[in-house]
Amino acid sequence: MLAAVRGTYLGGSVADRLPLAWVVIPRCWASRREPASPSACVSTSLCVCLQLLILCCQTQNHPSPNFNQYVRDQGAMTDQLSRRQIREYQLYSRTSGKHVQVTGRRISATAEDGNKFAKLIVETDTFGSRVRIKGAESEKYICMNKRGKLIGKPSGKSKDCVFTEIVLENNYTAFQNARHEGWFMAFTRQGRPRQASRSRQNQREAHFIKRLYQGQLPFPNHAERQKQFEFVGSAPTRRTKRTRRPQPLT
């Protein structure tokens, strides 16, 4: 009275989450040559409904995929397919009051606003707020060695040159190294790089503000243009003698 076929027609999430199930269908549906009685069709229809109900319950009890874990796993890998977004700005250090500059292998936070070495090119590494920071003038990437020291490298492909942007509650931004978790880019009051193993996210030394790069400031605020200022020489003039008015006699 019953004919069993594989449920290969079940598509969507049921077919993906469950193995191929045996679905019992009425014989009157499976074969057109031998018509079955109405009572047999009713009983087999009830069996089919019961099996479908069991499949639905198993589907609901199946745990849903963890999307947050998927985002964390994908964020830890470099995205080689998507187009990289490039931004240009300056990083203002909260502690030194200056801007981060890349002069060859040396990294410091002593640049004035508009300095050519303070212009940074920031490239996205993946969608998980991971970036690579390169000096526009020196073309060197900001990297962190195994001792926690900031250095400039000509190539930023290694994981030492990848930083994770963390936006803090006080609107400052912290940069955590992707290879060394818990190590942050930080500078002292004198603008020297601080050892990353001693830096923390809540410390002022690791707080930065993104500022647009507007180039060199106009004269006379720029220091380099002040050095080019020239005095025009003129012939000295003889000072005239001042005559005093006579005081009245008393």
Protein backbone atom coordinates (compact mmCIF):
# COMPACT_ATOMS: atom_id res chain seq x y z
CA MET A 1 0.00 0.00 0.00
CA LEU A 2 2.92 2.35 0.53
CA ALA A 3 5.70 3.42 -1.77
CA ALA A 4 8.91 4.97 -0.41
CA VAL A 5 11.08 7.38 -2.37
CA ARG A 6 13.99 9.53 -1.37
CA GLY A 7 13.17 13.12 -0.47
CA THR A 8 15.56 14.64 -2.94
CA TYR A 9 13.01 17.26 -3.88
CA LEU A 10 13.31 18.90 -0.47
CA GLY A 11 15.29 22.05 -1.18
CA GLY A 12 16.50 25.01 0.81
CA SER A 13 17.67 24.81 4.39
CA VAL A 14 16.08 21.41 5.08
CA ALA A 15 18.15 19.69 2.43
CA ASP A 16 21.28 21.47 3.60
CA ARG A 17 20.90 20.71 7.32
CA LEU A 18 19.36 17.23 7.27
CA PRO A 19 20.33 14.02 5.49
CA LEU A 20 18.16 12.74 2.71
CA ALA A 21 15.01 11.49 4.40
CA TRP A 22 12.68 8.72 3.31
CA VAL A 23 9.27 10.16 2.56
CA VAL A 24 6.34 7.83 2.38
CA ILE A 25 3.78 8.73 -0.24
CA PRO A 26 0.49 7.05 -1.02
CA ARG A 27 0.57 4.30 -3.55
CA CYS A 28 -2.27 5.94 -5.35
CA TRP A 29 0.09 8.89 -6.02
CA ALA A 30 3.10 6.78 -6.90
CA SER A 31 1.39 4.53 -9.44
CA ARG A 32 -1.36 5.41 -11.82
CA ARG A 33 -1.97 1.87 -13.01
CA GLU A 34 -3.47 0.47 -9.80
CA PRO A 35 -5.92 2.87 -8.13
CA ALA A 36 -6.07 2.52 -4.34
CA SER A 37 -9.07 2.81 -2.07
CA PRO A 38 -9.93 6.20 -0.47
CA SER A 39 -9.29 4.87 3.06
CA ALA A 40 -5.76 3.83 2.11
CA CYS A 41 -5.03 7.28 0.70
CA VAL A 42 -6.30 8.97 3.87
CA SER A 43 -4.15 6.80 6.14
CA THR A 44 -1.03 7.32 4.08
CA SER A 45 -1.70 11.06 3.91
CA LEU A 46 -1.72 11.16 7.71
CA CYS A 47 1.64 9.37 7.72
CA VAL A 48 3.06 11.91 5.30
CA CYS A 49 1.85 14.82 7.46
CA LEU A 50 3.36 13.21 10.55
CA GLN A 51 6.74 12.78 8.86
CA LEU A 52 6.72 16.37 7.60
CA LEU A 53 5.95 17.55 11.13
CA ILE A 54 8.93 15.58 12.45
CA LEU A 55 11.18 17.13 9.78
CA CYS A 56 10.02 20.63 10.71
CA CYS A 57 10.73 20.00 14.40
CA GLN A 58 14.22 18.70 13.61
CA THR A 59 14.89 21.76 11.48
CA GLN A 60 13.84 24.15 14.26
CA ASN A 61 15.96 22.34 16.85
CA HIS A 62 19.05 22.57 14.65
CA PRO A 63 21.35 25.35 15.98
CA SER A 64 21.56 28.45 13.80
CA PRO A 65 24.96 29.39 12.35
CA ASN A 66 27.09 31.75 14.46
CA PHE A 67 27.43 34.81 12.26
CA ASN A 68 29.63 36.67 14.77
CA GLN A 69 32.19 33.87 14.70
CA TYR A 70 32.15 33.96 10.90
CA VAL A 71 32.86 37.71 10.94
CA ARG A 72 35.75 37.24 13.37
CA ASP A 73 37.26 34.47 11.25
CA GLN A 74 36.97 36.46 8.03
CA GLY A 75 38.29 39.60 9.71
CA ALA A 76 41.45 37.78 10.72
CA MET A 77 42.30 37.01 7.09
CA THR A 78 43.52 39.39 4.42
CA ASP A 79 40.94 40.18 1.75
CA GLN A 80 42.60 39.54 -1.63
CA LEU A 81 39.47 39.91 -3.79
CA SER A 82 37.81 43.18 -2.81
CA ARG A 83 39.09 46.55 -3.91
CA ARG A 84 41.18 48.31 -1.27
CA GLN A 85 39.91 51.62 0.02
CA ILE A 86 42.61 54.27 0.39
CA ARG A 87 42.32 57.31 2.64
CA GLU A 88 44.71 60.15 3.38
CA TYR A 89 44.84 61.92 6.72
CA GLN A 90 47.03 62.83 9.69
CA LEU A 91 47.16 61.18 13.11
CA TYR A 92 47.19 63.66 15.98
CA SER A 93 48.75 62.24 19.14
CA ARG A 94 46.87 63.09 22.32
CA THR A 95 50.01 62.93 24.46
CA SER A 96 52.61 64.82 22.42
CA GLY A 97 50.21 67.30 20.83
CA LYS A 98 51.89 66.70 17.45
CA HIS A 99 51.27 64.48 14.45
CA VAL A 100 52.67 61.06 13.60
CA GLN A 101 55.36 61.18 10.92
CA VAL A 102 57.24 58.49 9.00
CA THR A 103 60.80 59.51 8.13
CA GLY A 104 62.43 56.39 6.75
CA ARG A 105 62.71 53.71 9.43
CA ARG A 106 62.03 56.19 12.21
CA ILE A 107 58.50 56.74 13.51
CA SER A 108 57.71 59.67 15.81
CA ALA A 109 54.88 62.00 16.81
CA THR A 110 56.65 65.36 16.52
CA ALA A 111 55.38 66.71 13.19
CA GLU A 112 53.54 70.00 12.91
CA ASP A 113 50.23 70.34 11.14
CA GLY A 114 50.78 70.23 7.38
CA ASN A 115 54.23 68.64 7.50
CA LYS A 116 54.91 66.57 4.39
CA PHE A 117 56.06 63.60 6.50
CA ALA A 118 52.80 63.71 8.50
CA LYS A 119 50.68 62.83 5.48
CA LEU A 120 49.65 59.18 5.85
CA ILE A 121 48.09 56.83 3.30
CA VAL A 122 45.80 54.30 5.00
CA GLU A 123 44.89 51.14 3.07
CA THR A 124 42.14 48.75 4.15
CA ASP A 125 43.25 45.15 4.68
CA THR A 126 39.82 43.57 5.30
CA PHE A 127 36.32 44.58 6.37
CA GLY A 128 37.17 44.03 10.04
CA SER A 129 38.62 47.57 10.55
CA ARG A 130 42.15 46.38 9.76
CA VAL A 131 44.38 48.85 7.94
CA ARG A 132 47.93 49.42 6.75
CA ILE A 133 49.48 52.85 7.38
CA LYS A 134 52.11 54.23 4.99
CA GLY A 135 53.94 57.54 4.92
CA ALA A 136 53.13 59.40 1.71
CA GLU A 137 56.54 61.10 1.48
CA SER A 138 58.83 58.28 2.65
CA GLU A 139 56.68 55.43 1.22
CA LYS A 140 57.43 53.31 4.31
CA TYR A 141 54.81 51.34 6.24
CA ILE A 142 54.41 51.62 10.00
CA CYS A 143 55.21 48.18 11.41
CA MET A 144 55.88 46.67 14.83
CA ASN A 145 58.68 44.21 15.49
CA LYS A 146 58.66 41.37 18.01
CA ARG A 147 60.03 43.68 20.73
CA GLY A 148 57.10 46.07 20.33
CA LYS A 149 59.05 48.86 18.62
CA LEU A 150 57.59 50.88 15.77
CA ILE A 151 59.72 50.84 12.62
CA GLY A 152 59.27 51.76 8.97
CA LYS A 153 59.37 49.04 6.31
CA PRO A 154 59.24 49.36 2.51
CA SER A 155 56.72 46.49 2.27
CA GLY A 156 53.58 46.16 4.36
CA LYS A 157 52.55 42.63 3.38
CA SER A 158 53.49 41.05 6.71
CA LYS A 159 51.05 40.90 9.60
CA ASP A 160 53.36 43.12 11.66
CA CYS A 161 52.28 46.06 9.50
CA VAL A 162 48.53 45.54 9.97
CA PHE A 163 46.66 47.44 12.69
CA THR A 164 43.08 47.18 13.91
CA GLU A 165 41.23 50.47 14.35
CA ILE A 166 39.36 50.68 17.65
CA VAL A 167 37.05 53.67 18.10
CA LEU A 168 36.87 54.56 21.80
CA GLU A 169 34.04 56.12 23.77
CA ASN A 170 35.87 59.45 24.00
CA ASN A 171 35.95 59.67 20.17
CA TYR A 172 39.67 58.87 20.06
CA THR A 173 41.04 56.01 17.95
CA ALA A 174 43.47 53.32 19.10
CA PHE A 175 45.53 51.10 16.78
CA GLN A 176 46.17 47.53 17.90
CA ASN A 177 48.72 45.40 16.09
CA ALA A 178 47.17 42.42 14.29
CA ARG A 179 49.99 40.00 15.08
CA HIS A 180 50.55 41.00 18.71
CA GLU A 181 47.14 41.21 20.36
CA GLY A 182 47.05 43.75 23.18
CA TRP A 183 49.97 45.78 21.79
CA PHE A 184 49.01 49.31 20.75
CA MET A 185 50.76 52.07 18.85
CA ALA A 186 51.67 54.67 21.46
CA PHE A 187 53.95 57.71 21.89
CA THR A 188 55.39 59.58 24.86
CA ARG A 189 55.08 63.30 25.58
CA GLN A 190 58.32 63.91 23.71
CA GLY A 191 56.87 62.13 20.65
CA ARG A 192 59.06 59.04 20.93
CA PRO A 193 57.48 55.61 20.34
CA ARG A 194 56.53 53.83 23.53
CA GLN A 195 57.12 50.11 23.99
CA ALA A 196 53.96 48.38 22.81
CA SER A 197 54.04 45.69 25.50
CA ARG A 198 53.50 48.42 28.12
CA SER A 199 50.75 50.24 26.25
CA ARG A 200 47.05 49.74 26.92
CA GLN A 201 43.90 50.78 25.15
CA ASN A 202 42.73 53.14 27.91
CA GLN A 203 46.03 55.05 28.15
CA ARG A 204 46.43 58.54 26.71
CA GLU A 205 49.62 57.51 24.91
CA ALA A 206 47.59 55.24 22.59
CA HIS A 207 44.89 57.77 21.68
CA PHE A 208 44.83 59.49 18.29
CA ILE A 209 42.57 61.81 16.29
CA LYS A 210 42.25 61.62 12.51
CA ARG A 211 42.74 65.00 10.84
CA LEU A 212 42.56 65.95 7.19
CA TYR A 213 45.83 66.83 5.52
CA GLN A 214 45.68 70.36 4.11
CA GLY A 215 49.30 70.77 3.10
CA GLN A 216 51.72 73.46 4.18
CA LEU A 217 50.32 76.41 6.04
CA PRO A 218 50.52 79.84 4.35
CA PHE A 219 53.18 82.39 5.26
CA PRO A 220 54.05 83.52 7.95
CA ASN A 221 52.89 80.57 10.06
CA HIS A 222 55.06 77.99 8.32
CA ALA A 223 58.54 77.66 9.80
CA GLU A 224 60.31 76.78 6.53
CA ARG A 225 59.00 79.88 4.81
CA GLN A 226 60.08 82.06 7.71
CA LYS A 227 63.67 81.01 7.00
CA GLN A 228 63.31 82.33 3.43
CA PHE A 229 62.33 85.78 4.65
CA GLU A 230 64.88 88.39 3.52
CA PHE A 231 65.46 91.88 4.83
CA VAL A 232 65.86 94.59 2.22
CA GLY A 233 68.93 96.73 2.93
CA SER A 234 68.70 100.54 2.87
CA ALA A 235 71.17 103.38 3.34
CA PRO A 236 71.37 104.61 6.93
CA THR A 237 69.99 108.05 7.55
CA ARG A 238 71.54 110.57 9.93
CA ARG A 239 69.52 111.11 13.03
CA THR A 240 68.41 114.65 13.50
CA LYS A 241 69.09 116.38 16.76
CA ARG A 242 66.04 116.99 18.82
CA THR A 243 65.55 120.52 20.02
CA ARG A 244 64.05 121.03 23.38
CA ARG A 245 61.69 123.83 24.12
CA PRO A 246 62.98 126.30 26.73
CA GLN A 247 61.28 126.08 30.04
CA PRO A 248 59.79 129.29 31.47
CA LEU A 249 61.61 130.91 34.41
CA THR A 250 59.81 130.93 37.70
